Protein backbone atom coordinates (compact mmCIF):
# COMPACT_ATOMS: atom_id res chain seq x y z
CA MET A 1 0.02 -0.07 -0.04
CA SER A 2 1.36 3.45 -1.24
CA LYS A 3 1.79 6.21 1.45
CA ALA A 4 2.71 8.74 -1.23
CA PRO A 5 -0.43 10.92 -0.73
CA GLU A 6 0.15 11.29 3.10
CA LEU A 7 3.72 12.26 2.74
CA VAL A 8 3.33 14.68 -0.37
CA TYR A 9 0.58 16.58 1.87
CA MET A 10 2.35 16.47 5.35
CA GLU A 11 3.78 20.25 5.02
CA THR A 12 0.48 21.56 3.74
CA GLU A 13 -1.76 20.03 6.34
CA THR A 14 1.18 21.06 8.84
CA ALA A 15 1.09 24.65 7.88
CA SER A 16 -2.53 25.26 7.51
CA THR A 17 -2.95 23.54 10.78
CA TRP A 18 -0.75 25.85 12.66
CA VAL A 19 -2.45 28.91 11.02
CA ASN A 20 -5.99 27.47 11.91
CA SER A 21 -5.05 26.93 15.17
CA SER A 22 -3.75 30.16 15.92
CA LEU A 23 -6.86 31.72 14.67
CA GLY A 24 -8.88 29.51 16.82
CA THR A 25 -10.72 27.75 13.93
CA PRO A 26 -10.90 24.07 13.76
CA GLU A 27 -8.12 21.52 12.31
CA PRO A 28 -9.00 20.17 8.74
CA LYS A 29 -10.32 16.59 8.86
CA SER A 30 -8.87 15.08 5.98
CA PRO A 31 -6.12 15.72 3.34
CA PRO A 32 -6.78 17.03 -0.31
CA ASP A 33 -7.56 14.81 -2.99
CA SER A 34 -4.87 12.20 -3.02
CA ARG A 35 -5.02 11.95 -7.09
CA SER A 36 -3.36 15.40 -7.24
CA PRO A 37 0.37 15.21 -7.19
CA THR A 38 0.85 18.87 -5.67
CA PRO A 39 -1.28 20.44 -3.14
CA PRO A 40 -3.83 23.09 -4.05
CA PRO A 41 -2.42 26.68 -3.69
CA ALA A 42 -4.77 28.12 -0.92
CA PRO A 43 -3.72 26.14 2.27
CA GLU A 44 0.13 26.57 1.49
CA ASP A 45 -0.39 30.42 0.60
CA ARG A 46 -2.04 30.59 4.12
CA GLY A 47 0.63 28.72 6.02
CA TYR A 48 3.71 30.11 4.01
CA PRO A 49 3.96 33.81 2.83
CA ASP A 50 6.44 32.70 0.23
CA GLY A 51 7.92 36.33 0.04
CA GLY A 52 7.39 39.46 2.00
CA LEU A 53 10.02 41.67 3.82
CA LYS A 54 10.65 39.46 6.40
CA ALA A 55 11.20 36.19 4.31
CA TRP A 56 13.59 38.10 1.93
CA LEU A 57 15.41 39.82 4.89
CA THR A 58 15.96 36.18 6.46
CA VAL A 59 17.29 35.07 2.96
CA PHE A 60 19.69 38.16 2.82
CA GLY A 61 20.77 37.25 6.65
CA ALA A 62 21.25 34.03 5.53
CA VAL A 63 23.43 34.94 2.62
CA LEU A 64 25.79 37.11 4.71
CA ALA A 65 26.03 34.21 7.38
CA LEU A 66 26.97 31.68 4.84
CA PHE A 67 29.43 33.69 3.16
CA CYS A 68 31.43 33.74 6.31
CA CYS A 69 30.75 29.94 6.52
CA GLY A 70 32.68 29.68 2.92
CA GLN A 71 35.96 29.80 4.79
CA VAL A 72 35.74 26.19 5.36
CA THR A 73 36.32 25.53 1.69
CA ALA A 74 39.23 28.16 1.75
CA PHE A 75 41.33 26.01 4.21
CA GLY A 76 43.89 24.95 1.37
CA VAL A 77 45.03 28.28 1.70
CA PHE A 78 45.76 27.82 5.32
CA GLU A 79 47.00 24.01 4.72
CA THR A 80 49.63 25.58 2.22
CA TRP A 81 50.88 28.46 4.46
CA TYR A 82 51.07 26.06 7.73
CA ALA A 83 53.29 23.81 5.68
CA GLN A 84 55.59 26.41 4.94
CA ASN A 85 55.57 28.35 8.05
CA GLN A 86 54.06 27.67 11.64
CA LEU A 87 53.74 23.80 11.12
CA ASN A 88 56.58 23.06 8.38
CA SER A 89 57.99 20.19 10.61
CA LEU A 90 54.64 18.09 10.24
CA PRO A 91 53.40 16.19 7.19
CA ALA A 92 50.54 17.68 4.99
CA SER A 93 48.26 14.73 6.21
CA THR A 94 48.74 15.62 9.65
CA ILE A 95 47.91 19.21 8.88
CA ALA A 96 44.92 18.34 6.82
CA TRP A 97 43.02 17.06 10.18
CA ILE A 98 42.64 20.78 11.10
CA GLY A 99 40.33 21.22 8.32
CA SER A 100 38.78 17.71 8.56
CA LEU A 101 37.80 18.41 12.15
CA GLN A 102 36.31 22.00 11.18
CA LEU A 103 34.11 20.17 8.59
CA TRP A 104 33.06 17.24 10.80
CA VAL A 105 32.18 19.53 13.63
CA LEU A 106 30.14 21.82 11.18
CA TYR A 107 28.19 18.80 9.93
CA PHE A 108 27.83 16.72 13.28
CA SER A 109 26.56 19.66 15.42
CA GLY A 110 23.45 19.87 13.33
CA SER A 111 21.51 17.46 15.26
CA PHE A 112 21.77 19.50 18.63
CA PHE A 113 21.26 22.90 16.99
CA GLY A 114 18.47 21.75 14.87
CA ARG A 115 16.71 20.76 17.93
CA ILE A 116 17.52 24.00 19.79
CA PHE A 117 16.10 26.00 16.98
CA ASP A 118 12.84 23.98 16.83
CA ALA A 119 12.56 24.82 20.78
CA PHE A 120 13.60 28.68 20.82
CA GLY A 121 14.12 30.00 17.31
CA PRO A 122 17.22 31.40 15.30
CA ARG A 123 18.80 34.04 17.52
CA VAL A 124 19.35 31.76 20.35
CA ILE A 125 21.94 30.16 18.43
CA LEU A 126 22.98 33.06 15.96
CA ILE A 127 24.10 35.50 18.38
CA PRO A 128 26.63 33.43 20.46
CA GLY A 129 27.47 31.49 17.43
CA SER A 130 28.50 34.88 15.67
CA ALA A 131 30.43 35.84 18.70
CA LEU A 132 32.37 32.46 18.86
CA LEU A 133 33.32 32.91 14.97
CA VAL A 134 34.74 36.16 15.79
CA PHE A 135 36.68 35.09 18.91
CA ALA A 136 38.01 31.68 17.35
CA THR A 137 39.11 33.70 14.18
CA MET A 138 40.95 36.29 16.23
CA MET A 139 42.50 33.64 18.39
CA THR A 140 43.47 31.61 15.35
CA SER A 141 45.57 34.85 14.38
CA VAL A 142 47.96 34.37 17.37
CA CYS A 143 48.27 30.47 17.30
CA LYS A 144 51.74 28.78 17.04
CA GLU A 145 51.46 25.23 17.75
CA TYR A 146 49.58 22.27 16.04
CA TYR A 147 47.26 21.64 19.38
CA GLN A 148 46.36 25.22 19.37
CA PHE A 149 45.14 25.15 15.70
CA LEU A 150 43.38 21.96 15.93
CA LEU A 151 41.27 23.47 19.05
CA VAL A 152 40.67 26.92 17.88
CA GLN A 153 40.42 26.61 13.93
CA GLY A 154 39.37 22.93 13.88
CA LEU A 155 37.05 22.64 17.03
CA LEU A 156 35.75 26.16 17.87
CA THR A 157 35.77 27.64 14.37
CA GLY A 158 33.88 24.37 13.21
CA LEU A 159 31.01 24.60 16.02
CA SER A 160 30.55 28.44 15.15
CA TYR A 161 29.94 27.51 11.49
CA GLY A 162 27.35 24.96 12.65
CA MET A 163 25.57 27.78 14.96
CA LEU A 164 25.35 29.96 11.70
CA PHE A 165 24.72 27.44 9.19
CA TYR A 166 21.59 25.64 10.67
CA PRO A 167 19.55 28.18 12.03
CA SER A 168 19.76 30.24 8.68
CA PHE A 169 18.37 27.40 6.66
CA ALA A 170 15.79 26.14 9.24
CA ALA A 171 14.65 29.80 9.28
CA ILE A 172 14.33 30.05 5.57
CA SER A 173 12.31 27.16 5.49
CA THR A 174 9.48 28.52 7.86
CA HIS A 175 9.03 31.15 5.43
CA PHE A 176 8.84 29.53 2.12
CA ARG A 177 7.18 26.35 0.76
CA ARG A 178 6.60 27.01 -3.15
CA TYR A 179 9.83 28.92 -3.48
CA ARG A 180 11.76 27.06 -0.83
CA ALA A 181 14.57 25.53 -3.17
CA THR A 182 14.97 29.10 -4.51
CA ALA A 183 15.34 30.54 -1.40
CA VAL A 184 17.64 28.16 -0.07
CA GLY A 185 19.54 28.23 -3.02
CA ILE A 186 20.24 31.82 -3.09
CA ALA A 187 21.32 31.60 0.56
CA ILE A 188 23.76 28.49 0.04
CA ALA A 189 25.09 30.52 -2.82
CA GLY A 190 26.50 32.77 -0.31
CA SER A 191 28.71 29.89 0.93
CA GLY A 192 30.09 29.48 -2.71
CA ALA A 193 30.73 32.93 -3.08
CA GLY A 194 33.03 32.95 0.13
CA GLY A 195 34.51 29.82 -1.01
CA VAL A 196 35.62 31.82 -4.32
CA VAL A 197 36.66 35.21 -2.31
CA PHE A 198 38.52 33.90 0.72
CA PRO A 199 40.92 31.81 -0.89
CA ILE A 200 42.12 34.82 -3.21
CA MET A 201 41.77 37.39 -0.54
CA LEU A 202 43.86 35.33 2.36
CA ARG A 203 46.54 34.54 -0.37
CA HIS A 204 47.33 38.13 -1.45
CA LEU A 205 46.69 39.32 2.52
CA PHE A 206 49.30 36.70 3.57
CA ALA A 207 51.85 38.08 0.99
CA LYS A 208 51.02 41.64 1.66
CA ILE A 209 50.55 42.06 5.58
CA GLY A 210 51.27 38.55 7.10
CA PHE A 211 49.45 35.84 8.72
CA GLY A 212 48.35 37.58 11.90
CA TRP A 213 46.54 40.71 10.26
CA ALA A 214 45.22 38.99 7.36
CA VAL A 215 43.33 36.55 9.69
CA ARG A 216 42.21 39.69 11.81
CA ILE A 217 41.08 41.26 8.94
CA VAL A 218 38.67 38.21 8.01
CA GLY A 219 37.36 38.28 11.89
CA PHE A 220 36.44 41.95 11.55
CA LEU A 221 34.78 41.19 8.23
CA CYS A 222 32.88 38.37 9.86
CA LEU A 223 31.75 40.74 12.98
CA ILE A 224 30.08 43.01 10.67
CA LEU A 225 28.58 40.39 8.35
CA CYS A 226 27.28 38.45 11.45
CA SER A 227 25.81 41.28 13.00
CA ILE A 228 23.59 41.98 9.98
CA SER A 229 22.70 38.22 10.02
CA CYS A 230 21.54 38.24 13.50
CA ALA A 231 19.32 41.38 12.99
CA THR A 232 17.39 40.02 9.75
CA ILE A 233 17.14 36.29 10.24
CA THR A 234 13.73 35.48 11.76
CA SER A 235 11.62 32.37 12.13
CA ARG A 236 7.58 32.48 11.03
CA ILE A 237 6.98 29.84 13.85
CA PRO A 238 7.36 31.67 17.21
CA PRO A 239 9.73 30.05 19.73
CA GLY A 240 8.41 28.21 22.64
CA ARG A 241 4.90 27.96 20.99
CA LYS A 242 5.18 24.08 21.84
CA ASN A 243 6.91 22.15 24.64
CA THR A 244 9.39 20.92 22.43
CA SER A 245 12.03 18.31 23.84
CA ILE A 246 15.36 18.41 23.02
CA ILE A 247 15.49 14.93 22.44
CA PRO A 248 14.30 14.08 18.87
CA SER A 249 11.49 11.34 18.44
CA ALA A 250 11.99 7.85 17.73
CA ALA A 251 9.58 8.17 14.98
CA VAL A 252 12.12 9.57 12.83
CA VAL A 253 13.64 6.10 12.29
CA ARG A 254 10.13 4.65 10.96
CA ASP A 255 9.89 7.56 8.36
CA THR A 256 11.07 5.38 5.43
CA PRO A 257 11.71 8.21 2.78
CA PHE A 258 13.39 10.20 5.44
CA VAL A 259 15.83 7.14 6.38
CA LEU A 260 16.53 6.76 2.87
CA LEU A 261 17.11 10.51 2.10
CA VAL A 262 19.71 10.38 5.18
CA GLY A 263 21.58 7.32 3.65
CA GLY A 264 21.89 8.69 0.40
CA CYS A 265 23.24 11.89 1.69
CA PHE A 266 25.70 10.19 3.77
CA LEU A 267 26.98 8.26 0.80
CA VAL A 268 27.15 11.19 -1.51
CA ASN A 269 28.83 13.46 1.00
CA PHE A 270 31.41 10.74 1.53
CA GLY A 271 32.47 11.13 -2.17
CA LEU A 272 31.52 14.75 -2.86
CA PHE A 273 34.16 16.47 -1.26
CA ILE A 274 36.96 14.22 -2.49
CA PRO A 275 37.84 16.18 -5.81
CA PHE A 276 37.55 19.49 -3.45
CA VAL A 277 40.56 18.00 -1.46
CA TYR A 278 42.40 16.22 -4.18
CA LEU A 279 41.73 18.04 -7.44
CA ALA A 280 44.65 20.71 -6.95
CA ASN A 281 47.33 17.86 -6.27
CA TYR A 282 45.90 15.67 -9.24
CA SER A 283 46.54 18.92 -11.38
CA ILE A 284 50.10 19.18 -10.22
CA TYR A 285 50.53 15.29 -10.72
CA ARG A 286 49.60 16.20 -14.45
CA GLY A 287 52.41 19.02 -14.82
CA VAL A 288 50.53 22.18 -13.85
CA SER A 289 52.02 24.37 -11.81
CA SER A 290 51.41 24.73 -7.91
CA ALA A 291 50.55 28.55 -8.25
CA THR A 292 47.99 28.01 -11.00
CA SER A 293 46.58 24.69 -9.49
CA PHE A 294 45.31 26.78 -6.34
CA TYR A 295 42.86 28.60 -8.59
CA ILE A 296 41.40 25.27 -9.72
CA ILE A 297 39.53 24.96 -6.33
CA SER A 298 38.06 28.58 -6.70
CA ALA A 299 37.16 27.80 -10.46
CA MET A 300 35.29 24.44 -8.82
CA ASN A 301 33.55 26.81 -6.07
CA GLY A 302 32.58 29.08 -8.86
CA GLY A 303 30.77 26.62 -10.83
CA SER A 304 29.13 25.55 -7.41
CA ILE A 305 27.46 29.24 -7.12
CA PHE A 306 25.85 28.60 -10.48
CA GLY A 307 24.64 25.08 -9.62
CA ARG A 308 23.28 26.45 -6.22
CA VAL A 309 21.19 29.06 -7.52
CA ALA A 310 19.79 27.98 -11.17
CA PRO A 311 18.66 24.22 -10.51
CA ALA A 312 17.22 25.25 -7.11
CA TYR A 313 14.97 27.70 -8.98
CA LEU A 314 14.08 24.77 -11.39
CA ALA A 315 13.45 22.56 -8.29
CA ASP A 316 10.65 24.40 -7.49
CA VAL A 317 8.98 23.58 -10.61
CA ILE A 318 9.90 19.84 -11.44
CA GLY A 319 10.40 18.81 -7.64
CA ARG A 320 13.45 18.95 -5.33
CA PHE A 321 14.32 15.24 -5.33
CA ASN A 322 13.92 14.96 -9.08
CA ILE A 323 16.83 17.51 -8.94
CA ALA A 324 18.86 15.99 -6.03
CA ALA A 325 19.29 12.39 -7.30
CA PRO A 326 20.12 13.44 -10.97
CA SER A 327 22.84 15.79 -9.61
CA ALA A 328 24.27 13.05 -7.30
CA PHE A 329 24.39 10.53 -10.39
CA LEU A 330 25.74 12.84 -12.79
CA MET A 331 28.70 13.98 -10.36
CA GLY A 332 29.46 10.00 -10.14
CA LEU A 333 29.42 9.68 -13.82
CA PHE A 334 31.49 12.58 -14.44
CA ALA A 335 34.11 11.70 -11.68
CA LEU A 336 34.11 8.17 -13.65
CA VAL A 337 34.50 9.26 -17.19
CA PHE A 338 35.43 12.91 -17.40
CA TRP A 339 37.93 12.78 -14.59
CA GLN A 340 39.74 9.99 -15.95
CA PHE A 341 40.84 11.87 -19.20
CA ALA A 342 41.13 15.21 -17.62
CA ARG A 343 44.75 15.53 -18.32
CA SER A 344 45.39 19.05 -19.38
CA LEU A 345 44.74 22.32 -17.55
CA VAL A 346 41.59 23.25 -19.76
CA ALA A 347 40.24 19.82 -19.38
CA ILE A 348 40.67 19.85 -15.49
CA VAL A 349 39.26 23.54 -15.21
CA LEU A 350 36.20 22.46 -17.13
CA PHE A 351 35.77 19.43 -15.02
CA ALA A 352 36.28 21.49 -11.84
CA ILE A 353 33.27 24.05 -13.11
CA VAL A 354 30.94 20.83 -14.27
CA TYR A 355 31.44 19.20 -11.27
CA GLY A 356 31.14 22.13 -8.88
CA CYS A 357 27.91 22.94 -10.56
CA PHE A 358 26.43 19.50 -9.96
CA ALA A 359 27.93 19.36 -6.21
CA GLY A 360 26.33 22.73 -5.68
CA ALA A 361 22.90 21.69 -7.03
CA PHE A 362 22.94 18.57 -4.84
CA LEU A 363 24.04 20.59 -1.61
CA ALA A 364 21.37 23.29 -2.30
CA MET A 365 18.76 20.39 -2.26
CA GLN A 366 19.49 18.54 0.87
CA ILE A 367 17.34 20.94 2.95
CA PRO A 368 14.29 21.55 0.76
CA CYS A 369 14.23 17.80 0.33
CA VAL A 370 14.11 17.34 4.21
CA ALA A 371 11.74 19.93 4.56
CA GLN A 372 9.46 18.74 1.93
CA ILE A 373 8.91 15.34 4.00
CA SER A 374 9.10 16.69 7.42
CA ASN A 375 6.35 18.37 10.00
CA ILE A 376 7.59 22.28 9.69
CA GLU A 377 7.93 22.17 13.65
CA GLU A 378 10.43 19.36 13.43
CA VAL A 379 12.42 20.82 10.34
CA GLY A 380 15.26 22.10 12.35
CA THR A 381 15.73 18.81 14.14
CA ARG A 382 15.53 16.79 10.97
CA ILE A 383 17.80 19.03 8.87
CA GLY A 384 20.50 18.59 12.00
CA ILE A 385 19.89 14.68 12.00
CA LEU A 386 20.64 14.51 8.27
CA TYR A 387 24.01 16.78 8.61
CA SER A 388 25.10 15.05 11.44
CA VAL A 389 24.96 11.29 9.97
CA ALA A 390 26.48 12.88 6.94
CA SER A 391 29.31 14.33 8.92
CA PHE A 392 31.12 10.95 9.34
CA GLY A 393 31.03 10.70 5.65
CA VAL A 394 32.59 13.92 5.20
CA LEU A 395 35.26 13.00 7.64
CA ALA A 396 35.92 9.72 6.34
CA GLY A 397 35.94 10.72 2.55
CA GLY A 398 39.35 12.40 2.54
CA PRO A 399 41.22 9.91 4.38
CA ALA A 400 39.89 7.09 2.37
CA ALA A 401 40.68 8.79 -0.91
CA GLY A 402 44.26 9.42 0.45
CA ALA A 403 44.52 5.54 1.37
CA THR A 404 43.47 4.61 -2.17
CA LEU A 405 45.96 6.78 -3.31
CA LYS A 406 48.43 5.36 -1.24
CA ILE A 407 47.46 1.53 -2.23
CA SER A 408 47.59 2.70 -5.95
CA GLN A 409 51.16 3.92 -5.47
CA GLY A 410 50.35 7.29 -6.68
CA SER A 411 47.68 6.34 -9.00
CA TYR A 412 44.36 8.62 -8.91
CA THR A 413 42.25 6.00 -10.87
CA GLY A 414 41.27 4.26 -7.82
CA MET A 415 40.19 7.53 -6.09
CA MET A 416 37.99 8.58 -9.03
CA VAL A 417 36.40 5.14 -9.00
CA LEU A 418 35.59 5.62 -5.08
CA CYS A 419 34.19 9.08 -5.77
CA ALA A 420 32.11 7.77 -8.56
CA MET A 421 30.42 4.87 -6.96
CA LEU A 422 29.85 6.62 -3.76
CA ASN A 423 27.82 9.55 -5.63
CA ILE A 424 26.17 6.65 -7.73
CA LEU A 425 24.97 4.38 -4.97
CA GLY A 426 24.19 7.65 -2.96
CA SER A 427 22.01 8.83 -5.88
CA LEU A 428 19.94 5.49 -6.13
CA LEU A 429 18.87 5.78 -2.33
CA LEU A 430 17.62 9.22 -3.11
CA LEU A 431 15.78 7.94 -5.95
CA GLY A 432 14.23 5.26 -3.51
CA ALA A 433 13.30 8.04 -1.16
CA LYS A 434 11.49 10.09 -4.10
CA CYS A 435 9.53 6.90 -5.01
CA ARG A 436 8.44 6.19 -1.57
CA VAL A 437 6.76 9.75 -1.64
CA ASN A 438 5.52 9.40 -5.25
CA PRO A 439 5.88 5.85 -6.83
CA ARG A 440 5.79 7.61 -10.39
CA PHE A 441 9.00 7.73 -11.78
CA PHE A 442 8.59 11.20 -13.46
CA GLY A 443 6.35 12.51 -10.83
CA ARG A 444 7.06 15.80 -9.27
CA VAL A 445 8.41 15.40 -5.58
């Protein structure tokens, strides 16, 4: 027996229930006609403004907060600097754990912060998160020893990113339904923009004014941007309206589409970041100069900006799962076919842009997919659960790819196959989740 109609209309019923209860009117007794693949416009318009000053100010604030979080993809600049200066006695693989820890904490903290958002709203997390980011950035500027970088830049900075990341997206999801993917795509493009700007900015500042003041300038910039974010990001659902427990409900693990979505995102995130970590080294392996190889990552982040915005707009028309699953599959296909034969600078840059585009599309779809199959008052919790599970894939992806490189005695073929298979297998689980919501293969989900 299919449960597709119930799942497709979960958001609409929840939104209209919240609005009706706030007006003192009775809740709807039955869902809309199950023969229709999409909800009728009236209930969703009543529940979700899908625009307006507060909604778009929330998107604007999220763009600024996520621009600051874009530093996480700029860690390659720090790794290169540390290897030549403060940490020149350590191997590159050891230094890389600073960035891996930062990314893992960002992902893993989601379950905790998502639940706090559902109970108390965004600013309880955003304000201390902004203060922590500025503090951690300033402290990074005076670090000297490896353990100091690991604790400050790895742990504290990663934690602050999580405190900005999750409430920003969860707040957007309370304002938008019909255009949710577009709104989230615009916001997450801020992260991609940060991934382009920060590597170039830091590289030039390191050379001109040194490490300490370069990092402090970043800290002051984050202070300004995060202050604006704290003032503009709001949630449509009033905090404390329900007696929300910090412990998520066990019913989450019985929601088959959500479990399949989490499993698919775990596998895709396991493989997705492998080219982001190793493509610059691969280009050097193919004879590209180290100075030029640095900009390949910026090209990949530039491609991801387009991928986070354009497919997100399309997803609001044809469905969020209908963008997420093909994007993951195409990442795997391009890693298996295109990356294998990308041996010149032009081919490598082209692969970086195309892969970055599909990676950006997938990253922009994770949160809209969660929100589409979730009760709106649990969306923060479920976003957090997904990212917490995916964090272990993110943490393992780089070392696993490095292990295949070592086993293959310097050949990148094994790494490419690993990246491809993880993305393709993840896309199949995403397709399974989509079919549980709507069994029609080309149905809008």
